[in-house]
């Protein structure tokens, strides 16, 4: 049985980058700027607001209800680690 990836720790690294650690040990610094399109992400384009993220249910989320799915973040962290 495969376990769904979940963010267990997140540390702000400046700009739109967050270092993520997942429940399966995968970790890496991910640049979120590629996902900051559309109305729900508009507030996140302000770096001070972006830095207000938190981990909620294994996803990275913000006070306005925006979030990025852990599966998406896990795939990105793995791709960066492989590069």
Protein backbone atom coordinates (compact mmCIF):
# COMPACT_ATOMS: atom_id res chain seq x y z
CA UNK A 1 0.00 0.00 0.00
CA UNK A 2 1.36 3.41 -0.96
CA UNK A 3 1.23 6.23 1.54
CA UNK A 4 0.12 9.59 0.20
CA UNK A 5 2.82 12.25 0.56
CA UNK A 6 2.33 14.83 3.27
CA UNK A 7 4.41 17.83 4.24
CA UNK A 8 5.58 17.40 7.84
CA UNK A 9 7.86 20.45 8.06
CA UNK A 10 8.25 23.66 6.06
CA UNK A 11 10.82 26.44 6.40
CA UNK A 12 10.73 29.76 4.56
CA UNK A 13 13.83 30.34 2.40
CA UNK A 14 13.11 33.82 1.04
CA UNK A 15 11.29 35.06 -2.03
CA UNK A 16 8.78 32.40 -2.99
CA UNK A 17 10.87 29.44 -1.82
CA UNK A 18 10.04 27.00 0.96
CA UNK A 19 12.13 24.04 2.09
CA UNK A 20 9.80 21.06 2.52
CA UNK A 21 10.20 17.78 4.38
CA UNK A 22 7.73 14.98 3.60
CA UNK A 23 6.51 12.01 5.61
CA UNK A 24 8.54 9.63 3.41
CA UNK A 25 11.84 11.46 3.92
CA UNK A 26 11.86 13.32 0.59
CA UNK A 27 12.92 16.92 1.12
CA UNK A 28 13.93 19.91 -0.96
CA UNK A 29 13.53 23.62 -1.51
CA UNK A 30 10.68 24.40 -3.88
CA UNK A 31 10.09 27.68 -5.73
CA UNK A 32 6.35 28.31 -5.53
CA UNK A 33 6.33 31.22 -8.02
CA UNK A 34 5.18 28.90 -10.82
CA UNK A 35 1.84 28.35 -9.03
CA UNK A 36 1.01 31.95 -8.09
CA UNK A 37 -1.47 32.53 -10.91
CA UNK A 38 -5.19 33.15 -10.62
CA UNK A 39 -7.34 35.09 -8.18
CA UNK A 40 -6.90 32.85 -5.10
CA UNK A 41 -3.10 33.20 -5.34
CA UNK A 42 -3.05 36.97 -5.96
CA UNK A 43 -2.37 37.85 -2.31
CA UNK A 44 0.54 35.38 -2.24
CA UNK A 45 2.43 37.42 -4.83
CA UNK A 46 3.24 39.81 -1.97
CA UNK A 47 6.31 38.23 -0.29
CA UNK A 48 5.24 39.24 3.22
CA UNK A 49 1.90 37.49 2.77
CA UNK A 50 3.51 34.48 1.08
CA UNK A 51 5.72 34.05 4.15
CA UNK A 52 2.59 33.55 6.31
CA UNK A 53 2.19 29.96 5.05
CA UNK A 54 1.53 27.04 7.38
CA UNK A 55 1.20 23.27 7.07
CA UNK A 56 -2.40 22.06 7.11
CA UNK A 57 -3.37 18.45 6.52
CA UNK A 58 -0.05 17.75 4.81
CA UNK A 59 -0.40 20.66 2.38
CA UNK A 60 1.15 24.13 2.40
CA UNK A 61 -1.64 26.67 2.97
CA UNK A 62 -2.23 30.39 3.57
CA UNK A 63 -4.74 32.37 5.65
CA UNK A 64 -6.84 33.26 2.57
CA UNK A 65 -7.62 29.57 1.93
CA UNK A 66 -5.08 29.04 -0.86
CA UNK A 67 -3.09 25.83 -0.74
CA UNK A 68 -0.85 23.64 -2.87
CA UNK A 69 -1.54 19.90 -2.83
CA UNK A 70 1.14 17.76 -1.22
CA UNK A 71 1.28 15.47 -4.27
CA UNK A 72 2.25 18.42 -6.46
CA UNK A 73 4.88 19.61 -4.01
CA UNK A 74 6.29 16.10 -3.54
CA UNK A 75 6.72 15.63 -7.29
CA UNK A 76 8.49 19.00 -7.54
CA UNK A 77 10.80 18.26 -4.59
CA UNK A 78 11.70 14.86 -6.09
CA UNK A 79 12.38 16.40 -9.51
CA UNK A 80 14.66 19.03 -7.97
CA UNK A 81 16.54 16.39 -5.97
CA UNK A 82 17.08 14.33 -9.13
CA UNK A 83 18.40 17.32 -11.11
